[in-house]
mmCIF file of all heavy atoms, coordinates in Angstrom:
data_MODEL
# 
_entry.id   MODEL 
# 
loop_
_atom_site.group_PDB 
_atom_site.id 
_atom_site.type_symbol 
_atom_site.label_atom_id 
_atom_site.label_alt_id 
_atom_site.label_comp_id 
_atom_site.label_asym_id 
_atom_site.label_entity_id 
_atom_site.label_seq_id 
_atom_site.pdbx_PDB_ins_code 
_atom_site.Cartn_x 
_atom_site.Cartn_y 
_atom_site.Cartn_z 
_atom_site.occupancy 
_atom_site.B_iso_or_equiv 
_atom_site.pdbx_formal_charge 
_atom_site.auth_seq_id 
_atom_site.auth_comp_id 
_atom_site.auth_asym_id 
_atom_site.auth_atom_id 
_atom_site.pdbx_PDB_model_num 
ATOM 1   N N   . TYR A 1 1  ? -46.757 -134.578 -64.150 1.00 0.00 ? 1  TYR A N   1 
ATOM 2   C CA  . TYR A 1 1  ? -48.044 -133.894 -64.244 1.00 0.00 ? 1  TYR A CA  1 
ATOM 3   C C   . TYR A 1 1  ? -48.314 -133.550 -65.706 1.00 0.00 ? 1  TYR A C   1 
ATOM 4   O O   . TYR A 1 1  ? -47.472 -132.941 -66.371 1.00 0.00 ? 1  TYR A O   1 
ATOM 5   C CB  . TYR A 1 1  ? -48.044 -132.611 -63.428 1.00 0.00 ? 1  TYR A CB  1 
ATOM 6   C CG  . TYR A 1 1  ? -48.131 -132.817 -61.935 1.00 0.00 ? 1  TYR A CG  1 
ATOM 7   C CD1 . TYR A 1 1  ? -46.993 -132.816 -61.144 1.00 0.00 ? 1  TYR A CD1 1 
ATOM 8   C CD2 . TYR A 1 1  ? -49.364 -133.003 -61.312 1.00 0.00 ? 1  TYR A CD2 1 
ATOM 9   C CE1 . TYR A 1 1  ? -47.063 -132.998 -59.771 1.00 0.00 ? 1  TYR A CE1 1 
ATOM 10  C CE2 . TYR A 1 1  ? -49.454 -133.182 -59.937 1.00 0.00 ? 1  TYR A CE2 1 
ATOM 11  C CZ  . TYR A 1 1  ? -48.300 -133.179 -59.176 1.00 0.00 ? 1  TYR A CZ  1 
ATOM 12  O OH  . TYR A 1 1  ? -48.379 -133.361 -57.824 1.00 0.00 ? 1  TYR A OH  1 
ATOM 13  N N   . LEU A 1 2  ? -49.473 -133.938 -66.190 1.00 0.00 ? 2  LEU A N   1 
ATOM 14  C CA  . LEU A 1 2  ? -49.882 -133.586 -67.553 1.00 0.00 ? 2  LEU A CA  1 
ATOM 15  C C   . LEU A 1 2  ? -50.720 -132.308 -67.472 1.00 0.00 ? 2  LEU A C   1 
ATOM 16  O O   . LEU A 1 2  ? -51.953 -132.334 -67.548 1.00 0.00 ? 2  LEU A O   1 
ATOM 17  C CB  . LEU A 1 2  ? -50.675 -134.717 -68.193 1.00 0.00 ? 2  LEU A CB  1 
ATOM 18  C CG  . LEU A 1 2  ? -49.967 -136.066 -68.330 1.00 0.00 ? 2  LEU A CG  1 
ATOM 19  C CD1 . LEU A 1 2  ? -50.883 -137.089 -68.989 1.00 0.00 ? 2  LEU A CD1 1 
ATOM 20  C CD2 . LEU A 1 2  ? -48.677 -135.919 -69.120 1.00 0.00 ? 2  LEU A CD2 1 
ATOM 21  N N   . ALA A 1 3  ? -50.039 -131.191 -67.285 1.00 0.00 ? 3  ALA A N   1 
ATOM 22  C CA  . ALA A 1 3  ? -50.749 -129.921 -67.111 1.00 0.00 ? 3  ALA A CA  1 
ATOM 23  C C   . ALA A 1 3  ? -49.841 -128.755 -67.450 1.00 0.00 ? 3  ALA A C   1 
ATOM 24  O O   . ALA A 1 3  ? -48.632 -128.801 -67.231 1.00 0.00 ? 3  ALA A O   1 
ATOM 25  C CB  . ALA A 1 3  ? -51.252 -129.786 -65.675 1.00 0.00 ? 3  ALA A CB  1 
ATOM 26  N N   . ARG A 1 4  ? -50.453 -127.727 -67.989 1.00 0.00 ? 4  ARG A N   1 
ATOM 27  C CA  . ARG A 1 4  ? -49.796 -126.453 -68.253 1.00 0.00 ? 4  ARG A CA  1 
ATOM 28  C C   . ARG A 1 4  ? -50.738 -125.380 -67.718 1.00 0.00 ? 4  ARG A C   1 
ATOM 29  O O   . ARG A 1 4  ? -51.941 -125.400 -68.021 1.00 0.00 ? 4  ARG A O   1 
ATOM 30  C CB  . ARG A 1 4  ? -49.563 -126.298 -69.748 1.00 0.00 ? 4  ARG A CB  1 
ATOM 31  C CG  . ARG A 1 4  ? -48.846 -125.038 -70.189 1.00 0.00 ? 4  ARG A CG  1 
ATOM 32  C CD  . ARG A 1 4  ? -48.513 -125.114 -71.669 1.00 0.00 ? 4  ARG A CD  1 
ATOM 33  N NE  . ARG A 1 4  ? -47.346 -125.952 -71.914 1.00 0.00 ? 4  ARG A NE  1 
ATOM 34  C CZ  . ARG A 1 4  ? -47.194 -126.710 -72.999 1.00 0.00 ? 4  ARG A CZ  1 
ATOM 35  N NH1 . ARG A 1 4  ? -48.140 -126.763 -73.917 1.00 0.00 ? 4  ARG A NH1 1 
ATOM 36  N NH2 . ARG A 1 4  ? -46.093 -127.419 -73.160 1.00 0.00 ? 4  ARG A NH2 1 
ATOM 37  N N   . MET A 1 5  ? -50.218 -124.439 -66.921 1.00 0.00 ? 5  MET A N   1 
ATOM 38  C CA  . MET A 1 5  ? -51.080 -123.508 -66.188 1.00 0.00 ? 5  MET A CA  1 
ATOM 39  C C   . MET A 1 5  ? -50.737 -122.055 -66.486 1.00 0.00 ? 5  MET A C   1 
ATOM 40  O O   . MET A 1 5  ? -49.568 -121.703 -66.664 1.00 0.00 ? 5  MET A O   1 
ATOM 41  C CB  . MET A 1 5  ? -50.950 -123.755 -64.683 1.00 0.00 ? 5  MET A CB  1 
ATOM 42  C CG  . MET A 1 5  ? -51.383 -125.139 -64.256 1.00 0.00 ? 5  MET A CG  1 
ATOM 43  S SD  . MET A 1 5  ? -51.028 -125.449 -62.492 1.00 0.00 ? 5  MET A SD  1 
ATOM 44  C CE  . MET A 1 5  ? -49.228 -125.520 -62.535 1.00 0.00 ? 5  MET A CE  1 
ATOM 45  N N   . LEU A 1 6  ? -51.765 -121.226 -66.515 1.00 0.00 ? 6  LEU A N   1 
ATOM 46  C CA  . LEU A 1 6  ? -51.632 -119.785 -66.667 1.00 0.00 ? 6  LEU A CA  1 
ATOM 47  C C   . LEU A 1 6  ? -52.242 -119.121 -65.437 1.00 0.00 ? 6  LEU A C   1 
ATOM 48  O O   . LEU A 1 6  ? -53.405 -119.364 -65.112 1.00 0.00 ? 6  LEU A O   1 
ATOM 49  C CB  . LEU A 1 6  ? -52.352 -119.305 -67.930 1.00 0.00 ? 6  LEU A CB  1 
ATOM 50  C CG  . LEU A 1 6  ? -52.453 -117.788 -68.123 1.00 0.00 ? 6  LEU A CG  1 
ATOM 51  C CD1 . LEU A 1 6  ? -51.080 -117.170 -68.321 1.00 0.00 ? 6  LEU A CD1 1 
ATOM 52  C CD2 . LEU A 1 6  ? -53.364 -117.454 -69.303 1.00 0.00 ? 6  LEU A CD2 1 
ATOM 53  N N   . PHE A 1 7  ? -51.449 -118.296 -64.736 1.00 0.00 ? 7  PHE A N   1 
ATOM 54  C CA  . PHE A 1 7  ? -51.919 -117.582 -63.558 1.00 0.00 ? 7  PHE A CA  1 
ATOM 55  C C   . PHE A 1 7  ? -51.941 -116.084 -63.828 1.00 0.00 ? 7  PHE A C   1 
ATOM 56  O O   . PHE A 1 7  ? -51.136 -115.566 -64.607 1.00 0.00 ? 7  PHE A O   1 
ATOM 57  C CB  . PHE A 1 7  ? -50.996 -117.847 -62.360 1.00 0.00 ? 7  PHE A CB  1 
ATOM 58  C CG  . PHE A 1 7  ? -51.108 -119.219 -61.776 1.00 0.00 ? 7  PHE A CG  1 
ATOM 59  C CD1 . PHE A 1 7  ? -50.342 -120.262 -62.288 1.00 0.00 ? 7  PHE A CD1 1 
ATOM 60  C CD2 . PHE A 1 7  ? -51.978 -119.481 -60.727 1.00 0.00 ? 7  PHE A CD2 1 
ATOM 61  C CE1 . PHE A 1 7  ? -50.433 -121.528 -61.759 1.00 0.00 ? 7  PHE A CE1 1 
ATOM 62  C CE2 . PHE A 1 7  ? -52.067 -120.747 -60.186 1.00 0.00 ? 7  PHE A CE2 1 
ATOM 63  C CZ  . PHE A 1 7  ? -51.295 -121.782 -60.699 1.00 0.00 ? 7  PHE A CZ  1 
ATOM 64  N N   . ALA A 1 8  ? -52.859 -115.403 -63.147 1.00 0.00 ? 8  ALA A N   1 
ATOM 65  C CA  . ALA A 1 8  ? -52.900 -113.940 -63.203 1.00 0.00 ? 8  ALA A CA  1 
ATOM 66  C C   . ALA A 1 8  ? -53.171 -113.403 -61.807 1.00 0.00 ? 8  ALA A C   1 
ATOM 67  O O   . ALA A 1 8  ? -53.945 -113.989 -61.042 1.00 0.00 ? 8  ALA A O   1 
ATOM 68  C CB  . ALA A 1 8  ? -53.975 -113.456 -64.168 1.00 0.00 ? 8  ALA A CB  1 
ATOM 69  N N   . GLU A 1 9  ? -52.518 -112.301 -61.491 1.00 0.00 ? 9  GLU A N   1 
ATOM 70  C CA  . GLU A 1 9  ? -52.731 -111.595 -60.221 1.00 0.00 ? 9  GLU A CA  1 
ATOM 71  C C   . GLU A 1 9  ? -53.081 -110.157 -60.540 1.00 0.00 ? 9  GLU A C   1 
ATOM 72  O O   . GLU A 1 9  ? -52.326 -109.474 -61.250 1.00 0.00 ? 9  GLU A O   1 
ATOM 73  C CB  . GLU A 1 9  ? -51.470 -111.664 -59.363 1.00 0.00 ? 9  GLU A CB  1 
ATOM 74  C CG  . GLU A 1 9  ? -51.603 -110.969 -58.018 1.00 0.00 ? 9  GLU A CG  1 
ATOM 75  C CD  . GLU A 1 9  ? -50.306 -111.054 -57.221 1.00 0.00 ? 9  GLU A CD  1 
ATOM 76  O OE1 . GLU A 1 9  ? -49.261 -110.542 -57.722 1.00 0.00 ? 9  GLU A OE1 1 
ATOM 77  O OE2 . GLU A 1 9  ? -50.318 -111.641 -56.135 1.00 0.00 ? 9  GLU A OE2 1 
ATOM 78  N N   . ILE A 1 10 ? -54.211 -109.693 -60.033 1.00 0.00 ? 10 ILE A N   1 
ATOM 79  C CA  . ILE A 1 10 ? -54.686 -108.362 -60.383 1.00 0.00 ? 10 ILE A CA  1 
ATOM 80  C C   . ILE A 1 10 ? -54.023 -107.301 -59.507 1.00 0.00 ? 10 ILE A C   1 
ATOM 81  O O   . ILE A 1 10 ? -53.761 -107.522 -58.317 1.00 0.00 ? 10 ILE A O   1 
ATOM 82  C CB  . ILE A 1 10 ? -56.219 -108.280 -60.270 1.00 0.00 ? 10 ILE A CB  1 
ATOM 83  C CG1 . ILE A 1 10 ? -56.739 -107.028 -60.968 1.00 0.00 ? 10 ILE A CG1 1 
ATOM 84  C CG2 . ILE A 1 10 ? -56.677 -108.339 -58.813 1.00 0.00 ? 10 ILE A CG2 1 
ATOM 85  C CD1 . ILE A 1 10 ? -58.216 -107.061 -61.229 1.00 0.00 ? 10 ILE A CD1 1 
ATOM 86  N N   . GLY A 1 11 ? -53.711 -106.156 -60.129 1.00 0.00 ? 11 GLY A N   1 
ATOM 87  C CA  . GLY A 1 11 ? -53.125 -105.032 -59.418 1.00 0.00 ? 11 GLY A CA  1 
ATOM 88  C C   . GLY A 1 11 ? -54.089 -103.868 -59.349 1.00 0.00 ? 11 GLY A C   1 
ATOM 89  O O   . GLY A 1 11 ? -55.245 -103.949 -59.775 1.00 0.00 ? 11 GLY A O   1 
ATOM 90  N N   . GLU A 1 12 ? -53.594 -102.757 -58.817 1.00 0.00 ? 12 GLU A N   1 
ATOM 91  C CA  . GLU A 1 12 ? -54.435 -101.570 -58.679 1.00 0.00 ? 12 GLU A CA  1 
ATOM 92  C C   . GLU A 1 12 ? -54.782 -100.955 -60.035 1.00 0.00 ? 12 GLU A C   1 
ATOM 93  O O   . GLU A 1 12 ? -55.819 -100.325 -60.189 1.00 0.00 ? 12 GLU A O   1 
ATOM 94  C CB  . GLU A 1 12 ? -53.726 -100.526 -57.805 1.00 0.00 ? 12 GLU A CB  1 
ATOM 95  C CG  . GLU A 1 12 ? -53.574 -100.953 -56.352 1.00 0.00 ? 12 GLU A CG  1 
ATOM 96  C CD  . GLU A 1 12 ? -54.912 -101.208 -55.677 1.00 0.00 ? 12 GLU A CD  1 
ATOM 97  O OE1 . GLU A 1 12 ? -55.854 -100.407 -55.900 1.00 0.00 ? 12 GLU A OE1 1 
ATOM 98  O OE2 . GLU A 1 12 ? -55.026 -102.204 -54.948 1.00 0.00 ? 12 GLU A OE2 1 
ATOM 99  N N   . LYS A 1 13 ? -53.903 -101.127 -61.014 1.00 0.00 ? 13 LYS A N   1 
ATOM 100 C CA  . LYS A 1 13 ? -54.144 -100.634 -62.374 1.00 0.00 ? 13 LYS A CA  1 
ATOM 101 C C   . LYS A 1 13 ? -53.578 -101.657 -63.356 1.00 0.00 ? 13 LYS A C   1 
ATOM 102 O O   . LYS A 1 13 ? -52.801 -102.547 -62.955 1.00 0.00 ? 13 LYS A O   1 
ATOM 103 C CB  . LYS A 1 13 ? -53.504 -99.262  -62.579 1.00 0.00 ? 13 LYS A CB  1 
ATOM 104 C CG  . LYS A 1 13 ? -52.031 -99.178  -62.268 1.00 0.00 ? 13 LYS A CG  1 
ATOM 105 C CD  . LYS A 1 13 ? -51.556 -97.739  -62.394 1.00 0.00 ? 13 LYS A CD  1 
ATOM 106 C CE  . LYS A 1 13 ? -50.036 -97.630  -62.192 1.00 0.00 ? 13 LYS A CE  1 
ATOM 107 N NZ  . LYS A 1 13 ? -49.621 -98.029  -60.842 1.00 0.00 ? 13 LYS A NZ  1 
ATOM 108 N N   . PRO A 1 14 ? -53.969 -101.591 -64.646 1.00 0.00 ? 14 PRO A N   1 
ATOM 109 C CA  . PRO A 1 14 ? -53.515 -102.607 -65.604 1.00 0.00 ? 14 PRO A CA  1 
ATOM 110 C C   . PRO A 1 14 ? -52.008 -102.786 -65.644 1.00 0.00 ? 14 PRO A C   1 
ATOM 111 O O   . PRO A 1 14 ? -51.525 -103.908 -65.814 1.00 0.00 ? 14 PRO A O   1 
ATOM 112 C CB  . PRO A 1 14 ? -54.057 -102.080 -66.943 1.00 0.00 ? 14 PRO A CB  1 
ATOM 113 C CG  . PRO A 1 14 ? -55.300 -101.335 -66.565 1.00 0.00 ? 14 PRO A CG  1 
ATOM 114 C CD  . PRO A 1 14 ? -54.981 -100.681 -65.251 1.00 0.00 ? 14 PRO A CD  1 
ATOM 115 N N   . ASP A 1 15 ? -51.243 -101.708 -65.450 1.00 0.00 ? 15 ASP A N   1 
ATOM 116 C CA  . ASP A 1 15 ? -49.783 -101.822 -65.478 1.00 0.00 ? 15 ASP A CA  1 
ATOM 117 C C   . ASP A 1 15 ? -49.252 -102.708 -64.353 1.00 0.00 ? 15 ASP A C   1 
ATOM 118 O O   . ASP A 1 15 ? -48.127 -103.212 -64.432 1.00 0.00 ? 15 ASP A O   1 
ATOM 119 C CB  . ASP A 1 15 ? -49.135 -100.444 -65.379 1.00 0.00 ? 15 ASP A CB  1 
ATOM 120 C CG  . ASP A 1 15 ? -49.270 -99.640  -66.666 1.00 0.00 ? 15 ASP A CG  1 
ATOM 121 O OD1 . ASP A 1 15 ? -49.592 -100.261 -67.704 1.00 0.00 ? 15 ASP A OD1 1 
ATOM 122 O OD2 . ASP A 1 15 ? -49.074 -98.417  -66.633 1.00 0.00 ? 15 ASP A OD2 1 
ATOM 123 N N   . ASP A 1 16 ? -50.028 -102.874 -63.292 1.00 0.00 ? 16 ASP A N   1 
ATOM 124 C CA  . ASP A 1 16 ? -49.583 -103.666 -62.137 1.00 0.00 ? 16 ASP A CA  1 
ATOM 125 C C   . ASP A 1 16 ? -50.005 -105.128 -62.222 1.00 0.00 ? 16 ASP A C   1 
ATOM 126 O O   . ASP A 1 16 ? -49.617 -105.932 -61.368 1.00 0.00 ? 16 ASP A O   1 
ATOM 127 C CB  . ASP A 1 16 ? -50.153 -103.070 -60.839 1.00 0.00 ? 16 ASP A CB  1 
ATOM 128 C CG  . ASP A 1 16 ? -49.657 -101.655 -60.592 1.00 0.00 ? 16 ASP A CG  1 
ATOM 129 O OD1 . ASP A 1 16 ? -48.521 -101.349 -60.992 1.00 0.00 ? 16 ASP A OD1 1 
ATOM 130 O OD2 . ASP A 1 16 ? -50.422 -100.855 -60.013 1.00 0.00 ? 16 ASP A OD2 1 
ATOM 131 N N   . ASP A 1 17 ? -50.814 -105.485 -63.199 1.00 0.00 ? 17 ASP A N   1 
ATOM 132 C CA  . ASP A 1 17 ? -51.257 -106.878 -63.329 1.00 0.00 ? 17 ASP A CA  1 
ATOM 133 C C   . ASP A 1 17 ? -50.069 -107.774 -63.664 1.00 0.00 ? 17 ASP A C   1 
ATOM 134 O O   . ASP A 1 17 ? -49.147 -107.378 -64.381 1.00 0.00 ? 17 ASP A O   1 
ATOM 135 C CB  . ASP A 1 17 ? -52.319 -107.005 -64.432 1.00 0.00 ? 17 ASP A CB  1 
ATOM 136 C CG  . ASP A 1 17 ? -53.600 -106.265 -64.086 1.00 0.00 ? 17 ASP A CG  1 
ATOM 137 O OD1 . ASP A 1 17 ? -53.823 -105.964 -62.897 1.00 0.00 ? 17 ASP A OD1 1 
ATOM 138 O OD2 . ASP A 1 17 ? -54.374 -105.977 -65.014 1.00 0.00 ? 17 ASP A OD2 1 
ATOM 139 N N   . LEU A 1 18 ? -50.118 -108.998 -63.148 1.00 0.00 ? 18 LEU A N   1 
ATOM 140 C CA  . LEU A 1 18 ? -49.035 -109.957 -63.373 1.00 0.00 ? 18 LEU A CA  1 
ATOM 141 C C   . LEU A 1 18 ? -49.593 -111.223 -63.998 1.00 0.00 ? 18 LEU A C   1 
ATOM 142 O O   . LEU A 1 18 ? -50.587 -111.777 -63.519 1.00 0.00 ? 18 LEU A O   1 
ATOM 143 C CB  . LEU A 1 18 ? -48.343 -110.291 -62.049 1.00 0.00 ? 18 LEU A CB  1 
ATOM 144 C CG  . LEU A 1 18 ? -47.260 -111.368 -62.106 1.00 0.00 ? 18 LEU A CG  1 
ATOM 145 C CD1 . LEU A 1 18 ? -46.077 -110.913 -62.963 1.00 0.00 ? 18 LEU A CD1 1 
ATOM 146 C CD2 . LEU A 1 18 ? -46.790 -111.720 -60.687 1.00 0.00 ? 18 LEU A CD2 1 
ATOM 147 N N   . PHE A 1 19 ? -48.951 -111.687 -65.066 1.00 0.00 ? 19 PHE A N   1 
ATOM 148 C CA  . PHE A 1 19 ? -49.318 -112.935 -65.732 1.00 0.00 ? 19 PHE A CA  1 
ATOM 149 C C   . PHE A 1 19 ? -48.082 -113.827 -65.790 1.00 0.00 ? 19 PHE A C   1 
ATOM 150 O O   . PHE A 1 19 ? -46.998 -113.365 -66.144 1.00 0.00 ? 19 PHE A O   1 
ATOM 151 C CB  . PHE A 1 19 ? -49.798 -112.674 -67.164 1.00 0.00 ? 19 PHE A CB  1 
ATOM 152 C CG  . PHE A 1 19 ? -50.996 -111.776 -67.260 1.00 0.00 ? 19 PHE A CG  1 
ATOM 153 C CD1 . PHE A 1 19 ? -50.843 -110.400 -67.335 1.00 0.00 ? 19 PHE A CD1 1 
ATOM 154 C CD2 . PHE A 1 19 ? -52.273 -112.305 -67.271 1.00 0.00 ? 19 PHE A CD2 1 
ATOM 155 C CE1 . PHE A 1 19 ? -51.939 -109.560 -67.423 1.00 0.00 ? 19 PHE A CE1 1 
ATOM 156 C CE2 . PHE A 1 19 ? -53.385 -111.478 -67.368 1.00 0.00 ? 19 PHE A CE2 1 
ATOM 157 C CZ  . PHE A 1 19 ? -53.223 -110.107 -67.441 1.00 0.00 ? 19 PHE A CZ  1 
ATOM 158 N N   . LEU A 1 20 ? -48.236 -115.084 -65.447 1.00 0.00 ? 20 LEU A N   1 
ATOM 159 C CA  . LEU A 1 20 ? -47.137 -116.028 -65.621 1.00 0.00 ? 20 LEU A CA  1 
ATOM 160 C C   . LEU A 1 20 ? -47.672 -117.414 -65.941 1.00 0.00 ? 20 LEU A C   1 
ATOM 161 O O   . LEU A 1 20 ? -48.790 -117.775 -65.573 1.00 0.00 ? 20 LEU A O   1 
ATOM 162 C CB  . LEU A 1 20 ? -46.195 -116.055 -64.413 1.00 0.00 ? 20 LEU A CB  1 
ATOM 163 C CG  . LEU A 1 20 ? -46.696 -116.459 -63.035 1.00 0.00 ? 20 LEU A CG  1 
ATOM 164 C CD1 . LEU A 1 20 ? -46.775 -117.964 -62.882 1.00 0.00 ? 20 LEU A CD1 1 
ATOM 165 C CD2 . LEU A 1 20 ? -45.761 -115.892 -61.973 1.00 0.00 ? 20 LEU A CD2 1 
ATOM 166 N N   . ARG A 1 21 ? -46.833 -118.172 -66.642 1.00 0.00 ? 21 ARG A N   1 
ATOM 167 C CA  . ARG A 1 21 ? -47.180 -119.512 -67.093 1.00 0.00 ? 21 ARG A CA  1 
ATOM 168 C C   . ARG A 1 21 ? -46.243 -120.510 -66.418 1.00 0.00 ? 21 ARG A C   1 
ATOM 169 O O   . ARG A 1 21 ? -45.037 -120.279 -66.344 1.00 0.00 ? 21 ARG A O   1 
ATOM 170 C CB  . ARG A 1 21 ? -47.034 -119.569 -68.611 1.00 0.00 ? 21 ARG A CB  1 
ATOM 171 C CG  . ARG A 1 21 ? -47.492 -120.852 -69.256 1.00 0.00 ? 21 ARG A CG  1 
ATOM 172 C CD  . ARG A 1 21 ? -47.592 -120.693 -70.766 1.00 0.00 ? 21 ARG A CD  1 
ATOM 173 N NE  . ARG A 1 21 ? -46.328 -120.307 -71.378 1.00 0.00 ? 21 ARG A NE  1 
ATOM 174 C CZ  . ARG A 1 21 ? -46.133 -119.218 -72.108 1.00 0.00 ? 21 ARG A CZ  1 
ATOM 175 N NH1 . ARG A 1 21 ? -47.108 -118.378 -72.318 1.00 0.00 ? 21 ARG A NH1 1 
ATOM 176 N NH2 . ARG A 1 21 ? -44.948 -118.944 -72.637 1.00 0.00 ? 21 ARG A NH2 1 
ATOM 177 N N   . ILE A 1 22 ? -46.792 -121.599 -65.912 1.00 0.00 ? 22 ILE A N   1 
ATOM 178 C CA  . ILE A 1 22 ? -45.988 -122.665 -65.324 1.00 0.00 ? 22 ILE A CA  1 
ATOM 179 C C   . ILE A 1 22 ? -46.195 -123.926 -66.145 1.00 0.00 ? 22 ILE A C   1 
ATOM 180 O O   . ILE A 1 22 ? -47.321 -124.375 -66.336 1.00 0.00 ? 22 ILE A O   1 
ATOM 181 C CB  . ILE A 1 22 ? -46.357 -122.935 -63.853 1.00 0.00 ? 22 ILE A CB  1 
ATOM 182 C CG1 . ILE A 1 22 ? -46.361 -121.650 -63.033 1.00 0.00 ? 22 ILE A CG1 1 
ATOM 183 C CG2 . ILE A 1 22 ? -45.383 -123.944 -63.243 1.00 0.00 ? 22 ILE A CG2 1 
ATOM 184 C CD1 . ILE A 1 22 ? -46.709 -121.852 -61.579 1.00 0.00 ? 22 ILE A CD1 1 
ATOM 185 N N   . ASP A 1 23 ? -45.087 -124.497 -66.613 1.00 0.00 ? 23 ASP A N   1 
ATOM 186 C CA  . ASP A 1 23 ? -45.166 -125.676 -67.460 1.00 0.00 ? 23 ASP A CA  1 
ATOM 187 C C   . ASP A 1 23 ? -45.055 -126.950 -66.640 1.00 0.00 ? 23 ASP A C   1 
ATOM 188 O O   . ASP A 1 23 ? -44.755 -126.929 -65.445 1.00 0.00 ? 23 ASP A O   1 
ATOM 189 C CB  . ASP A 1 23 ? -44.078 -125.637 -68.530 1.00 0.00 ? 23 ASP A CB  1 
ATOM 190 C CG  . ASP A 1 23 ? -44.650 -125.862 -69.924 1.00 0.00 ? 23 ASP A CG  1 
ATOM 191 O OD1 . ASP A 1 23 ? -45.591 -126.670 -70.050 1.00 0.00 ? 23 ASP A OD1 1 
ATOM 192 O OD2 . ASP A 1 23 ? -44.170 -125.221 -70.873 1.00 0.00 ? 23 ASP A OD2 1 
ATOM 193 N N   . TYR A 1 24 ? -45.283 -128.069 -67.307 1.00 0.00 ? 24 TYR A N   1 
ATOM 194 C CA  . TYR A 1 24 ? -45.290 -129.380 -66.664 1.00 0.00 ? 24 TYR A CA  1 
ATOM 195 C C   . TYR A 1 24 ? -43.952 -129.753 -66.035 1.00 0.00 ? 24 TYR A C   1 
ATOM 196 O O   . TYR A 1 24 ? -43.886 -130.591 -65.142 1.00 0.00 ? 24 TYR A O   1 
ATOM 197 C CB  . TYR A 1 24 ? -45.680 -130.456 -67.689 1.00 0.00 ? 24 TYR A CB  1 
ATOM 198 C CG  . TYR A 1 24 ? -44.826 -130.421 -68.939 1.00 0.00 ? 24 TYR A CG  1 
ATOM 199 C CD1 . TYR A 1 24 ? -43.603 -131.068 -69.000 1.00 0.00 ? 24 TYR A CD1 1 
ATOM 200 C CD2 . TYR A 1 24 ? -45.243 -129.715 -70.062 1.00 0.00 ? 24 TYR A CD2 1 
ATOM 201 C CE1 . TYR A 1 24 ? -42.813 -131.021 -70.134 1.00 0.00 ? 24 TYR A CE1 1 
ATOM 202 C CE2 . TYR A 1 24 ? -44.459 -129.653 -71.199 1.00 0.00 ? 24 TYR A CE2 1 
ATOM 203 C CZ  . TYR A 1 24 ? -43.253 -130.302 -71.234 1.00 0.00 ? 24 TYR A CZ  1 
ATOM 204 O OH  . TYR A 1 24 ? -42.468 -130.248 -72.357 1.00 0.00 ? 24 TYR A OH  1 
ATOM 205 N N   . ASP A 1 25 ? -42.853 -129.124 -66.482 1.00 0.00 ? 25 ASP A N   1 
ATOM 206 C CA  . ASP A 1 25 ? -41.528 -129.416 -65.926 1.00 0.00 ? 25 ASP A CA  1 
ATOM 207 C C   . ASP A 1 25 ? -41.094 -128.394 -64.882 1.00 0.00 ? 25 ASP A C   1 
ATOM 208 O O   . ASP A 1 25 ? -39.944 -128.387 -64.449 1.00 0.00 ? 25 ASP A O   1 
ATOM 209 C CB  . ASP A 1 25 ? -40.484 -129.485 -67.040 1.00 0.00 ? 25 ASP A CB  1 
ATOM 210 C CG  . ASP A 1 25 ? -40.397 -128.185 -67.845 1.00 0.00 ? 25 ASP A CG  1 
ATOM 211 O OD1 . ASP A 1 25 ? -41.192 -127.257 -67.565 1.00 0.00 ? 25 ASP A OD1 1 
ATOM 212 O OD2 . ASP A 1 25 ? -39.545 -128.110 -68.745 1.00 0.00 ? 25 ASP A OD2 1 
# 
């Protein structure tokens, strides 16, 4: 796959937000 992805999941407050990156491998 020729792709690199950034995901975010929102929480009840900024401290609860989640960010993660998934690479092509």
